[in-house]
Amino acid sequence: MSILKHVAASLLLLTVGGGTKDLGGVATGAMAPGAGDNVPPPTEVLQEDEDEADDSAGAPTQVAPQTAQCCACSCPAGQAAGVSATAGDAGTEGEDDAAPPAAVVSARAPVPAPTTAPTGTIVGKVTAPSKLARLVALYVEGAATNPKRGMKVSVNQSKMQFIPHFSALSVGGKAVFYNADPFPHNVFSPDHGGFNLGTWGKGGARVYRFKKPGIYTILCFMHPGMLAFVAAVPSSYFDTTNRKGEFKIKAVPNGSYQLVAVGQKLKKVSKPIRVNGDVVTIDFNMEKE
């Protein structure tokens, strides 16, 4: 045993001293044959170490792609372009606690509602002999022209009658004459230069534009019993009387005017009137020509 111990101590000393000497035929600077059969080369060891490190690290964290938000408002484009934050996403420290973007306040001034000029209403009643009070047109003289008012009237031929029997429109306006009867009709007038629209059958229509002021007698030469009247007046504000002689002119601009009454076989009458936003009442007593 002492000899073996001495040999082992000598081997230890030789190894510490640099491993360059031979002892019993064994090279001390290299590994003895068969001693490293189970040890892989260093490069393979490094590769295996890296694989083991990858296995222990687990799958890499999936980070959702981020898109820069186009703006700070709540419009559809801003919402669609916002950064999505889902569970497990990598984010900046404190991002979850960040306050939402402040709403963008429009600096546009409110648009005021359109204003309407103050207007009033004129009402009254006409009295005249022989029931002629139902054939009177009344109009406001001196008021500004409104091209969207009073420029069209419709007259229907039905059951051998003109309906309505008495109507009015502004000078320059047009009347449309319809035929609702199952047989032909005609329309003509002998007044203010006269006109004749010819003859047409059921479902047809003819149009005439009244360019001169006055009351026009409307007739059908195929049916002598048919009779109507159309009054063309130089104003946008007018009305015709009903069977009781009553009238109402609405939405007349405030101001001072003349209210004129004209009727079939009646003398023309005019009275001053002031409209101040309220209902103004005025009556007429008309006489025959």
Protein backbone atom coordinates (compact mmCIF):
# COMPACT_ATOMS: atom_id res chain seq x y z
CA MET A 1 0.00 0.00 0.00
CA SER A 2 2.82 2.40 0.75
CA ILE A 3 4.28 1.78 -2.69
CA LEU A 4 0.90 2.54 -4.34
CA LYS A 5 0.52 5.70 -2.32
CA HIS A 6 3.99 6.79 -3.32
CA VAL A 7 3.18 6.20 -7.01
CA ALA A 8 -0.08 8.14 -6.77
CA ALA A 9 1.65 11.06 -5.06
CA SER A 10 4.31 11.10 -7.71
CA LEU A 11 1.66 11.15 -10.45
CA LEU A 12 -0.07 14.07 -8.76
CA LEU A 13 3.15 16.03 -8.52
CA LEU A 14 3.98 15.37 -12.15
CA THR A 15 0.53 16.50 -13.24
CA VAL A 16 0.72 19.75 -11.25
CA GLY A 17 4.18 20.40 -12.57
CA GLY A 18 3.02 20.72 -16.18
CA GLY A 19 2.33 17.16 -17.37
CA THR A 20 5.37 16.97 -19.71
CA LYS A 21 7.12 13.92 -18.26
CA ASP A 22 6.44 10.21 -18.84
CA LEU A 23 5.57 7.91 -16.00
CA GLY A 24 5.16 4.21 -16.64
CA GLY A 25 4.56 4.81 -20.37
CA VAL A 26 1.56 7.17 -19.78
CA ALA A 27 1.61 10.65 -21.31
CA THR A 28 0.47 13.14 -18.65
CA GLY A 29 -0.26 15.99 -21.07
CA ALA A 30 -2.90 14.01 -22.99
CA MET A 31 -5.84 11.90 -22.00
CA ALA A 32 -5.13 8.17 -21.80
CA PRO A 33 -6.65 6.00 -24.52
CA GLY A 34 -10.24 4.98 -23.67
CA ALA A 35 -10.67 7.57 -20.96
CA GLY A 36 -12.72 10.03 -23.12
CA ASP A 37 -14.76 7.71 -25.30
CA ASN A 38 -18.07 9.09 -23.86
CA VAL A 39 -17.19 12.79 -24.13
CA PRO A 40 -18.47 14.55 -27.33
CA PRO A 41 -16.34 17.11 -29.16
CA PRO A 42 -16.55 20.68 -27.79
CA THR A 43 -18.54 22.03 -30.74
CA GLU A 44 -21.22 19.44 -30.30
CA VAL A 45 -21.37 20.17 -26.60
CA LEU A 46 -21.99 23.87 -27.34
CA GLN A 47 -24.76 23.03 -29.81
CA GLU A 48 -26.51 20.73 -27.35
CA ASP A 49 -26.19 23.35 -24.64
CA GLU A 50 -27.90 25.91 -26.90
CA ASP A 51 -30.71 23.48 -27.73
CA GLU A 52 -31.28 22.78 -24.06
CA ALA A 53 -31.37 26.50 -23.32
CA ASP A 54 -33.96 27.01 -26.09
CA ASP A 55 -36.09 24.16 -24.73
CA SER A 56 -36.05 25.57 -21.23
CA ALA A 57 -36.95 29.09 -22.44
CA GLY A 58 -40.28 28.00 -23.96
CA ALA A 59 -42.03 29.44 -27.05
CA PRO A 60 -41.30 33.11 -27.82
CA THR A 61 -43.99 35.63 -26.80
CA GLN A 62 -46.25 36.61 -29.70
CA VAL A 63 -46.38 40.42 -29.96
CA ALA A 64 -49.38 41.86 -31.85
CA PRO A 65 -48.44 44.29 -34.63
CA GLN A 66 -49.13 47.88 -33.73
CA THR A 67 -50.49 50.59 -36.02
CA ALA A 68 -50.02 54.26 -35.35
CA GLN A 69 -53.30 56.00 -34.63
CA CYS A 70 -54.17 58.61 -37.27
CA CYS A 71 -55.77 61.05 -34.87
CA ALA A 72 -57.06 61.57 -31.36
CA CYS A 73 -60.73 61.91 -32.24
CA SER A 74 -63.49 59.32 -32.00
CA CYS A 75 -64.22 59.22 -35.73
CA PRO A 76 -64.47 55.80 -37.45
CA ALA A 77 -61.02 56.25 -39.01
CA GLY A 78 -59.42 56.98 -35.64
CA GLN A 79 -61.10 54.00 -34.01
CA ALA A 80 -60.10 51.63 -36.80
CA ALA A 81 -56.46 52.79 -36.69
CA GLY A 82 -56.09 52.58 -32.88
CA VAL A 83 -53.50 50.30 -31.18
CA SER A 84 -55.09 47.06 -29.99
CA ALA A 85 -54.15 45.81 -26.54
CA THR A 86 -54.85 42.10 -25.93
CA ALA A 87 -53.99 39.78 -23.02
CA GLY A 88 -50.34 38.64 -23.16
CA ASP A 89 -49.25 41.49 -25.54
CA ALA A 90 -45.97 43.21 -24.82
CA GLY A 91 -46.50 46.89 -24.00
CA THR A 92 -44.77 49.93 -22.68
CA GLU A 93 -44.61 50.21 -18.92
CA GLY A 94 -47.59 52.25 -17.69
CA GLU A 95 -49.47 51.99 -21.03
CA ASP A 96 -52.47 50.30 -19.41
CA ASP A 97 -52.81 53.21 -17.00
CA ALA A 98 -52.55 55.90 -19.68
CA ALA A 99 -55.58 58.20 -19.91
CA PRO A 100 -57.65 58.07 -23.16
CA PRO A 101 -56.96 60.83 -25.69
CA ALA A 102 -58.88 64.01 -25.02
CA ALA A 103 -61.88 64.65 -27.25
CA VAL A 104 -61.29 67.19 -29.98
CA VAL A 105 -63.60 70.16 -29.49
CA SER A 106 -64.71 71.83 -32.69
CA ALA A 107 -64.06 75.53 -32.81
CA ARG A 108 -66.73 76.09 -35.48
CA ALA A 109 -69.29 78.66 -34.45
CA PRO A 110 -72.94 77.52 -34.44
CA VAL A 111 -74.85 78.38 -37.60
CA PRO A 112 -77.82 80.61 -36.79
CA ALA A 113 -81.25 79.47 -37.92
CA PRO A 114 -82.58 81.27 -40.97
CA THR A 115 -84.84 84.13 -40.05
CA THR A 116 -88.19 84.81 -41.67
CA ALA A 117 -89.46 88.32 -42.28
CA PRO A 118 -92.49 89.14 -40.08
CA THR A 119 -95.80 88.76 -41.85
CA GLY A 120 -99.46 89.20 -41.19
CA THR A 121 -102.85 88.02 -42.43
CA ILE A 122 -105.62 90.00 -44.07
CA VAL A 123 -109.21 88.82 -43.67
CA GLY A 124 -112.55 90.32 -44.60
CA LYS A 125 -115.84 90.05 -46.40
CA VAL A 126 -117.23 91.45 -49.64
CA THR A 127 -120.85 92.39 -50.16
CA ALA A 128 -122.29 92.92 -53.65
CA PRO A 129 -125.66 92.63 -55.43
CA SER A 130 -126.90 89.56 -57.33
CA LYS A 131 -124.56 87.11 -55.60
CA LEU A 132 -121.60 88.65 -57.40
CA ALA A 133 -119.67 88.76 -54.10
CA ARG A 134 -118.59 85.16 -54.77
CA LEU A 135 -116.79 86.25 -57.97
CA VAL A 136 -114.26 88.73 -56.50
CA ALA A 137 -110.46 88.62 -56.40
CA LEU A 138 -108.59 90.71 -53.81
CA TYR A 139 -104.83 91.44 -54.03
CA VAL A 140 -102.19 93.45 -52.16
CA GLU A 141 -100.82 96.26 -54.30
CA GLY A 142 -97.29 97.49 -53.54
CA ALA A 143 -95.87 94.32 -51.95
CA ALA A 144 -92.66 92.84 -53.34
CA THR A 145 -93.15 90.07 -55.89
CA ASN A 146 -92.56 86.51 -54.74
CA PRO A 147 -91.81 84.36 -57.84
CA LYS A 148 -92.55 81.14 -55.94
CA ARG A 149 -96.08 82.16 -55.04
CA GLY A 150 -99.29 82.28 -57.06
CA MET A 151 -97.80 81.31 -60.42
CA LYS A 152 -99.93 78.25 -61.20
CA VAL A 153 -103.56 77.23 -61.06
CA SER A 154 -105.35 74.04 -62.15
CA VAL A 155 -108.82 73.96 -63.71
CA ASN A 156 -110.53 70.61 -64.23
CA GLN A 157 -113.26 69.83 -66.78
CA SER A 158 -115.46 67.25 -65.09
CA LYS A 159 -119.13 66.38 -65.50
CA MET A 160 -119.57 69.21 -67.97
CA GLN A 161 -118.28 71.83 -65.50
CA PHE A 162 -115.14 73.89 -64.94
CA ILE A 163 -113.83 73.26 -61.40
CA PRO A 164 -113.20 75.64 -59.69
CA HIS A 165 -115.70 78.10 -61.08
CA PHE A 166 -113.56 81.11 -60.11
CA SER A 167 -109.78 81.12 -59.60
CA ALA A 168 -106.86 83.60 -59.59
CA LEU A 169 -103.12 83.68 -60.29
CA SER A 170 -100.33 86.22 -60.64
CA VAL A 171 -99.81 87.92 -64.00
CA GLY A 172 -97.32 85.78 -65.93
CA GLY A 173 -98.54 82.61 -64.24
CA LYS A 174 -100.02 79.64 -66.05
CA ALA A 175 -103.30 77.74 -65.87
CA VAL A 176 -103.43 74.01 -66.62
CA PHE A 177 -106.79 72.82 -68.02
CA TYR A 178 -107.48 69.08 -67.57
CA ASN A 179 -110.18 66.97 -69.20
CA ALA A 180 -111.56 64.30 -66.87
CA ASP A 181 -114.72 63.60 -68.92
CA PRO A 182 -115.00 60.62 -71.30
CA PHE A 183 -115.57 62.96 -74.27
CA PRO A 184 -113.62 65.85 -75.85
CA HIS A 185 -113.57 69.40 -74.48
CA ASN A 186 -112.31 72.78 -75.60
CA VAL A 187 -111.07 75.90 -73.78
CA PHE A 188 -111.16 79.44 -75.13
CA SER A 189 -111.64 83.02 -73.91
CA PRO A 190 -112.79 86.17 -75.78
CA ASP A 191 -111.25 88.57 -73.18
CA HIS A 192 -108.01 90.63 -73.25
CA GLY A 193 -107.08 89.61 -76.77
CA GLY A 194 -108.57 86.13 -76.43
CA PHE A 195 -107.11 82.63 -76.86
CA ASN A 196 -108.24 79.18 -78.03
CA LEU A 197 -106.49 76.03 -76.82
CA GLY A 198 -108.28 73.68 -79.24
CA THR A 199 -109.95 70.35 -78.46
CA TRP A 200 -108.60 67.26 -76.64
CA GLY A 201 -109.98 64.06 -75.17
CA LYS A 202 -110.10 62.37 -71.79
CA GLY A 203 -106.89 62.51 -69.76
CA GLY A 204 -105.41 65.32 -71.84
CA ALA A 205 -104.44 68.81 -70.74
CA ARG A 206 -103.65 72.23 -72.19
CA VAL A 207 -101.67 75.11 -70.66
CA TYR A 208 -102.10 78.85 -71.07
CA ARG A 209 -99.94 81.64 -69.60
CA PHE A 210 -101.81 84.80 -68.60
CA LYS A 211 -99.62 87.77 -69.53
CA LYS A 212 -102.20 90.55 -69.09
CA PRO A 213 -104.06 91.51 -65.89
CA GLY A 214 -107.83 91.23 -65.72
CA ILE A 215 -110.68 88.75 -65.36
CA TYR A 216 -110.96 86.18 -68.18
CA THR A 217 -114.17 84.37 -69.11
CA ILE A 218 -113.40 80.68 -69.77
CA LEU A 219 -115.69 78.80 -72.21
CA CYS A 220 -115.98 75.51 -74.14
CA PHE A 221 -117.40 75.93 -77.68
CA MET A 222 -118.41 72.24 -77.72
CA HIS A 223 -120.57 72.72 -74.60
CA PRO A 224 -122.04 76.27 -74.39
CA GLY A 225 -123.32 75.72 -70.85
CA MET A 226 -119.78 75.44 -69.41
CA LEU A 227 -118.51 78.69 -67.84
CA ALA A 228 -115.65 79.73 -65.50
CA PHE A 229 -113.51 82.79 -64.65
CA VAL A 230 -109.77 83.25 -64.10
CA ALA A 231 -108.46 86.50 -62.59
CA ALA A 232 -104.85 87.47 -63.41
CA VAL A 233 -103.71 89.99 -60.75
CA PRO A 234 -100.49 92.06 -60.50
CA SER A 235 -99.46 90.69 -57.09
CA SER A 236 -98.12 87.59 -55.35
CA TYR A 237 -100.52 88.05 -52.41
CA PHE A 238 -104.19 87.51 -53.23
CA ASP A 239 -107.28 85.42 -52.64
CA THR A 240 -110.74 84.86 -54.11
CA THR A 241 -113.98 85.06 -52.21
CA ASN A 242 -115.98 81.98 -51.23
CA ARG A 243 -119.73 81.58 -51.62
CA LYS A 244 -120.27 83.87 -48.61
CA GLY A 245 -117.99 86.59 -49.97
CA GLU A 246 -115.24 85.87 -47.39
CA PHE A 247 -111.51 85.95 -48.11
CA LYS A 248 -108.14 85.46 -46.34
CA ILE A 249 -104.71 86.49 -47.62
CA LYS A 250 -101.92 84.80 -45.62
CA ALA A 251 -98.21 85.56 -45.05
CA VAL A 252 -98.27 89.17 -46.24
CA PRO A 253 -95.00 90.98 -45.41
CA ASN A 254 -95.37 93.77 -42.87
CA GLY A 255 -95.88 97.17 -44.43
CA SER A 256 -98.38 99.70 -45.76
CA TYR A 257 -100.23 98.82 -48.99
CA GLN A 258 -103.41 99.18 -51.00
CA LEU A 259 -105.86 96.27 -50.92
CA VAL A 260 -107.64 96.06 -54.27
CA ALA A 261 -110.91 94.25 -55.02
CA VAL A 262 -111.92 93.36 -58.60
CA GLY A 263 -114.95 91.33 -59.62
CA GLN A 264 -116.99 90.18 -62.56
CA LYS A 265 -119.36 93.02 -63.58
CA LEU A 266 -118.37 95.00 -60.43
CA LYS A 267 -116.61 98.31 -60.00
CA LYS A 268 -112.99 98.13 -58.86
CA VAL A 269 -112.45 99.18 -55.22
CA SER A 270 -109.19 99.98 -53.35
CA LYS A 271 -108.51 100.67 -49.66
CA PRO A 272 -105.31 101.47 -47.72
CA ILE A 273 -104.15 98.83 -45.28
CA ARG A 274 -101.24 98.33 -42.89
CA VAL A 275 -99.90 94.87 -42.00
CA ASN A 276 -98.00 94.66 -38.71
CA GLY A 277 -97.66 90.95 -38.01
CA ASP A 278 -101.18 90.41 -36.75
CA VAL A 279 -104.52 89.67 -38.36
CA VAL A 280 -105.99 92.72 -40.09
CA THR A 281 -109.71 92.83 -40.89
CA ILE A 282 -111.14 94.87 -43.75
CA ASP A 283 -114.48 94.68 -45.58
CA PHE A 284 -115.68 95.85 -48.98
CA ASN A 285 -119.03 96.92 -50.32
CA MET A 286 -118.94 96.67 -54.11
CA GLU A 287 -121.34 97.97 -56.71
CA LYS A 288 -122.18 96.89 -60.25
CA GLU A 289 -120.50 98.57 -63.15
